[in-house]
Amino acid sequence: MKLLRTEEVAKILSFTPKKVRQMLASGEIPSVKIGGEYRVIDIELNNFIENQRVAA
């Protein structure tokens, strides 16, 4: 298990850090808050990405 910082998640998703913070705050991407900063468990990010698939 690895905890990813907001900037790392933004890079993986090709989003801005601001957009990722909004998604974390709304609960759209599951996260934990440590020391006032959001962290995303790598497995949870993988699950989020898998759930974004659309039918071809």
PDB file of N, CA and C in Angstrom:
ATOM      1  N   MET A   1       0.853  -1.178   0.000  1.00  0.00           N
ATOM      2  CA  MET A   1       0.000   0.000   0.000  1.00  0.00           C
ATOM      3  C   MET A   1       0.896   1.237   0.000  1.00  0.00           C
ATOM      4  N   LYS A   2       0.544   2.177  -0.845  1.00  0.00           N
ATOM      5  CA  LYS A   2       1.286   3.433  -0.935  1.00  0.00           C
ATOM      6  C   LYS A   2       0.297   4.590  -0.859  1.00  0.00           C
ATOM      7  N   LEU A   3       0.660   5.620  -0.116  1.00  0.00           N
ATOM      8  CA  LEU A   3      -0.154   6.829  -0.040  1.00  0.00           C
ATOM      9  C   LEU A   3       0.374   7.837  -1.045  1.00  0.00           C
ATOM     10  N   LEU A   4      -0.517   8.329  -1.887  1.00  0.00           N
ATOM     11  CA  LEU A   4      -0.145   9.276  -2.940  1.00  0.00           C
ATOM     12  C   LEU A   4      -0.553  10.690  -2.541  1.00  0.00           C
ATOM     13  N   ARG A   5       0.314  11.653  -2.819  1.00  0.00           N
ATOM     14  CA  ARG A   5       0.012  13.060  -2.583  1.00  0.00           C
ATOM     15  C   ARG A   5      -0.887  13.583  -3.702  1.00  0.00           C
ATOM     16  N   THR A   6      -1.531  14.704  -3.439  1.00  0.00           N
ATOM     17  CA  THR A   6      -2.424  15.326  -4.417  1.00  0.00           C
ATOM     18  C   THR A   6      -1.726  15.545  -5.753  1.00  0.00           C
ATOM     19  N   GLU A   7      -0.495  16.024  -5.711  1.00  0.00           N
ATOM     20  CA  GLU A   7       0.245  16.300  -6.945  1.00  0.00           C
ATOM     21  C   GLU A   7       0.509  15.023  -7.741  1.00  0.00           C
ATOM     22  N   GLU A   8       0.766  13.922  -7.033  1.00  0.00           N
ATOM     23  CA  GLU A   8       1.004  12.646  -7.709  1.00  0.00           C
ATOM     24  C   GLU A   8      -0.269  12.148  -8.388  1.00  0.00           C
ATOM     25  N   VAL A   9      -1.395  12.290  -7.693  1.00  0.00           N
ATOM     26  CA  VAL A   9      -2.681  11.882  -8.262  1.00  0.00           C
ATOM     27  C   VAL A   9      -2.991  12.733  -9.490  1.00  0.00           C
ATOM     28  N   ALA A  10      -2.743  14.028  -9.396  1.00  0.00           N
ATOM     29  CA  ALA A  10      -2.996  14.935 -10.524  1.00  0.00           C
ATOM     30  C   ALA A  10      -2.184  14.518 -11.741  1.00  0.00           C
ATOM     31  N   LYS A  11      -0.939  14.165 -11.531  1.00  0.00           N
ATOM     32  CA  LYS A  11      -0.082  13.749 -12.643  1.00  0.00           C
ATOM     33  C   LYS A  11      -0.598  12.458 -13.275  1.00  0.00           C
ATOM     34  N   ILE A  12      -0.994  11.503 -12.452  1.00  0.00           N
ATOM     35  CA  ILE A  12      -1.503  10.220 -12.955  1.00  0.00           C
ATOM     36  C   ILE A  12      -2.772  10.424 -13.776  1.00  0.00           C
ATOM     37  N   LEU A  13      -3.664  11.295 -13.292  1.00  0.00           N
ATOM     38  CA  LEU A  13      -4.957  11.502 -13.955  1.00  0.00           C
ATOM     39  C   LEU A  13      -4.916  12.586 -15.032  1.00  0.00           C
ATOM     40  N   SER A  14      -3.808  13.279 -15.149  1.00  0.00           N
ATOM     41  CA  SER A  14      -3.678  14.415 -16.073  1.00  0.00           C
ATOM     42  C   SER A  14      -4.696  15.512 -15.751  1.00  0.00           C
ATOM     43  N   PHE A  15      -4.875  15.761 -14.457  1.00  0.00           N
ATOM     44  CA  PHE A  15      -5.725  16.837 -13.962  1.00  0.00           C
ATOM     45  C   PHE A  15      -4.835  17.853 -13.254  1.00  0.00           C
ATOM     46  N   THR A  16      -5.381  19.029 -13.015  1.00  0.00           N
ATOM     47  CA  THR A  16      -4.647  20.000 -12.208  1.00  0.00           C
ATOM     48  C   THR A  16      -4.757  19.588 -10.735  1.00  0.00           C
ATOM     49  N   PRO A  17      -3.780  19.967  -9.926  1.00  0.00           N
ATOM     50  CA  PRO A  17      -3.898  19.682  -8.492  1.00  0.00           C
ATOM     51  C   PRO A  17      -5.162  20.290  -7.884  1.00  0.00           C
ATOM     52  N   LYS A  18      -5.568  21.467  -8.366  1.00  0.00           N
ATOM     53  CA  LYS A  18      -6.790  22.102  -7.858  1.00  0.00           C
ATOM     54  C   LYS A  18      -8.009  21.226  -8.120  1.00  0.00           C
ATOM     55  N   LYS A  19      -8.120  20.676  -9.330  1.00  0.00           N
ATOM     56  CA  LYS A  19      -9.245  19.802  -9.678  1.00  0.00           C
ATOM     57  C   LYS A  19      -9.233  18.558  -8.799  1.00  0.00           C
ATOM     58  N   VAL A  20      -8.058  17.989  -8.585  1.00  0.00           N
ATOM     59  CA  VAL A  20      -7.956  16.793  -7.741  1.00  0.00           C
ATOM     60  C   VAL A  20      -8.382  17.122  -6.314  1.00  0.00           C
ATOM     61  N   ARG A  21      -7.947  18.263  -5.777  1.00  0.00           N
ATOM     62  CA  ARG A  21      -8.354  18.650  -4.421  1.00  0.00           C
ATOM     63  C   ARG A  21      -9.873  18.785  -4.322  1.00  0.00           C
ATOM     64  N   GLN A  22     -10.511  19.332  -5.357  1.00  0.00           N
ATOM     65  CA  GLN A  22     -11.972  19.446  -5.368  1.00  0.00           C
ATOM     66  C   GLN A  22     -12.612  18.061  -5.349  1.00  0.00           C
ATOM     67  N   MET A  23     -12.070  17.146  -6.141  1.00  0.00           N
ATOM     68  CA  MET A  23     -12.606  15.783  -6.202  1.00  0.00           C
ATOM     69  C   MET A  23     -12.399  15.048  -4.874  1.00  0.00           C
ATOM     70  N   LEU A  24     -11.281  15.302  -4.222  1.00  0.00           N
ATOM     71  CA  LEU A  24     -11.017  14.688  -2.922  1.00  0.00           C
ATOM     72  C   LEU A  24     -11.968  15.248  -1.873  1.00  0.00           C
ATOM     73  N   ALA A  25     -12.150  16.559  -1.869  1.00  0.00           N
ATOM     74  CA  ALA A  25     -13.020  17.210  -0.886  1.00  0.00           C
ATOM     75  C   ALA A  25     -14.467  16.757  -1.025  1.00  0.00           C
ATOM     76  N   SER A  26     -14.901  16.497  -2.254  1.00  0.00           N
ATOM     77  CA  SER A  26     -16.285  16.070  -2.487  1.00  0.00           C
ATOM     78  C   SER A  26     -16.480  14.576  -2.254  1.00  0.00           C
ATOM     79  N   GLY A  27     -15.372  13.840  -2.105  1.00  0.00           N
ATOM     80  CA  GLY A  27     -15.474  12.395  -1.913  1.00  0.00           C
ATOM     81  C   GLY A  27     -15.517  11.616  -3.206  1.00  0.00           C
ATOM     82  N   GLU A  28     -15.408  12.308  -4.328  1.00  0.00           N
ATOM     83  CA  GLU A  28     -15.439  11.628  -5.628  1.00  0.00           C
ATOM     84  C   GLU A  28     -14.278  10.639  -5.756  1.00  0.00           C
ATOM     85  N   ILE A  29     -13.127  11.027  -5.236  1.00  0.00           N
ATOM     86  CA  ILE A  29     -11.977  10.126  -5.136  1.00  0.00           C
ATOM     87  C   ILE A  29     -11.798   9.825  -3.650  1.00  0.00           C
ATOM     88  N   PRO A  30     -11.840   8.547  -3.249  1.00  0.00           N
ATOM     89  CA  PRO A  30     -11.663   8.209  -1.833  1.00  0.00           C
ATOM     90  C   PRO A  30     -10.281   8.633  -1.337  1.00  0.00           C
ATOM     91  N   SER A  31     -10.240   9.168  -0.122  1.00  0.00           N
ATOM     92  CA  SER A  31      -8.963   9.639   0.412  1.00  0.00           C
ATOM     93  C   SER A  31      -8.987   9.618   1.930  1.00  0.00           C
ATOM     94  N   VAL A  32      -7.815   9.854   2.502  1.00  0.00           N
ATOM     95  CA  VAL A  32      -7.674  10.065   3.939  1.00  0.00           C
ATOM     96  C   VAL A  32      -7.002  11.421   4.113  1.00  0.00           C
ATOM     97  N   LYS A  33      -7.262  12.043   5.238  1.00  0.00           N
ATOM     98  CA  LYS A  33      -6.654  13.345   5.494  1.00  0.00           C
ATOM     99  C   LYS A  33      -5.648  13.167   6.627  1.00  0.00           C
ATOM    100  N   ILE A  34      -4.393  13.456   6.329  1.00  0.00           N
ATOM    101  CA  ILE A  34      -3.317  13.310   7.303  1.00  0.00           C
ATOM    102  C   ILE A  34      -2.609  14.653   7.426  1.00  0.00           C
ATOM    103  N   GLY A  35      -2.576  15.175   8.633  1.00  0.00           N
ATOM    104  CA  GLY A  35      -1.910  16.462   8.843  1.00  0.00           C
ATOM    105  C   GLY A  35      -2.501  17.583   8.018  1.00  0.00           C
ATOM    106  N   GLY A  36      -3.801  17.517   7.767  1.00  0.00           N
ATOM    107  CA  GLY A  36      -4.472  18.565   7.007  1.00  0.00           C
ATOM    108  C   GLY A  36      -4.344  18.430   5.504  1.00  0.00           C
ATOM    109  N   GLU A  37      -3.666  17.379   5.037  1.00  0.00           N
ATOM    110  CA  GLU A  37      -3.504  17.177   3.596  1.00  0.00           C
ATOM    111  C   GLU A  37      -4.113  15.841   3.183  1.00  0.00           C
ATOM    112  N   TYR A  38      -4.709  15.840   1.997  1.00  0.00           N
ATOM    113  CA  TYR A  38      -5.305  14.625   1.472  1.00  0.00           C
ATOM    114  C   TYR A  38      -4.229  13.667   0.985  1.00  0.00           C
ATOM    115  N   ARG A  39      -4.474  12.379   1.212  1.00  0.00           N
ATOM    116  CA  ARG A  39      -3.643  11.313   0.669  1.00  0.00           C
ATOM    117  C   ARG A  39      -4.584  10.276   0.072  1.00  0.00           C
ATOM    118  N   VAL A  40      -4.152   9.677  -1.028  1.00  0.00           N
ATOM    119  CA  VAL A  40      -4.966   8.670  -1.708  1.00  0.00           C
ATOM    120  C   VAL A  40      -4.204   7.355  -1.685  1.00  0.00           C
ATOM    121  N   ILE A  41      -4.873   6.307  -1.244  1.00  0.00           N
ATOM    122  CA  ILE A  41      -4.265   4.977  -1.253  1.00  0.00           C
ATOM    123  C   ILE A  41      -4.227   4.509  -2.701  1.00  0.00           C
ATOM    124  N   ASP A  42      -3.068   4.018  -3.126  1.00  0.00           N
ATOM    125  CA  ASP A  42      -2.886   3.644  -4.532  1.00  0.00           C
ATOM    126  C   ASP A  42      -3.952   2.674  -5.034  1.00  0.00           C
ATOM    127  N   ILE A  43      -4.357   1.730  -4.220  1.00  0.00           N
ATOM    128  CA  ILE A  43      -5.387   0.763  -4.626  1.00  0.00           C
ATOM    129  C   ILE A  43      -6.719   1.474  -4.862  1.00  0.00           C
ATOM    130  N   GLU A  44      -7.041   2.448  -4.013  1.00  0.00           N
ATOM    131  CA  GLU A  44      -8.282   3.211  -4.179  1.00  0.00           C
ATOM    132  C   GLU A  44      -8.254   4.017  -5.475  1.00  0.00           C
ATOM    133  N   LEU A  45      -7.095   4.557  -5.825  1.00  0.00           N
ATOM    134  CA  LEU A  45      -6.983   5.296  -7.083  1.00  0.00           C
ATOM    135  C   LEU A  45      -7.174   4.353  -8.263  1.00  0.00           C
ATOM    136  N   ASN A  46      -6.593   3.169  -8.191  1.00  0.00           N
ATOM    137  CA  ASN A  46      -6.793   2.178  -9.258  1.00  0.00           C
ATOM    138  C   ASN A  46      -8.267   1.828  -9.398  1.00  0.00           C
ATOM    139  N   ASN A  47      -8.962   1.644  -8.271  1.00  0.00           N
ATOM    140  CA  ASN A  47     -10.398   1.346  -8.311  1.00  0.00           C
ATOM    141  C   ASN A  47     -11.175   2.502  -8.931  1.00  0.00           C
ATOM    142  N   PHE A  48     -10.821   3.730  -8.573  1.00  0.00           N
ATOM    143  CA  PHE A  48     -11.478   4.902  -9.145  1.00  0.00           C
ATOM    144  C   PHE A  48     -11.312   4.907 -10.661  1.00  0.00           C
ATOM    145  N   ILE A  49     -10.099   4.665 -11.130  1.00  0.00           N
ATOM    146  CA  ILE A  49      -9.830   4.663 -12.574  1.00  0.00           C
ATOM    147  C   ILE A  49     -10.630   3.565 -13.263  1.00  0.00           C
ATOM    148  N   GLU A  50     -10.658   2.371 -12.685  1.00  0.00           N
ATOM    149  CA  GLU A  50     -11.416   1.257 -13.268  1.00  0.00           C
ATOM    150  C   GLU A  50     -12.902   1.599 -13.387  1.00  0.00           C
ATOM    151  N   ASN A  51     -13.429   2.310 -12.408  1.00  0.00           N
ATOM    152  CA  ASN A  51     -14.852   2.663 -12.412  1.00  0.00           C
ATOM    153  C   ASN A  51     -15.192   3.759 -13.411  1.00  0.00           C
ATOM    154  N   GLN A  52     -14.185   4.373 -14.017  1.00  0.00           N
ATOM    155  CA  GLN A  52     -14.417   5.431 -14.995  1.00  0.00           C
ATOM    156  C   GLN A  52     -14.541   4.898 -16.416  1.00  0.00           C
ATOM    157  N   ARG A  53     -14.380   3.604 -16.576  1.00  0.00           N
ATOM    158  CA  ARG A  53     -14.452   3.024 -17.926  1.00  0.00           C
ATOM    159  C   ARG A  53     -15.828   3.241 -18.535  1.00  0.00           C
ATOM    160  N   VAL A  54     -15.833   3.475 -19.830  1.00  0.00           N
ATOM    161  CA  VAL A  54     -17.093   3.627 -20.558  1.00  0.00           C
ATOM    162  C   VAL A  54     -17.181   2.530 -21.609  1.00  0.00           C
ATOM    163  N   ALA A  55     -18.384   2.138 -21.928  1.00  0.00           N
ATOM    164  CA  ALA A  55     -18.584   1.100 -22.942  1.00  0.00           C
ATOM    165  C   ALA A  55     -18.197   1.644 -24.315  1.00  0.00           C
ATOM    166  N   ALA A  56     -17.521   0.818 -25.074  1.00  0.00           N
ATOM    167  CA  ALA A  56     -17.080   1.234 -26.416  1.00  0.00           C
ATOM    168  C   ALA A  56     -18.184   1.062 -27.429  1.00  0.00           C
TER     169      ALA A  56
END
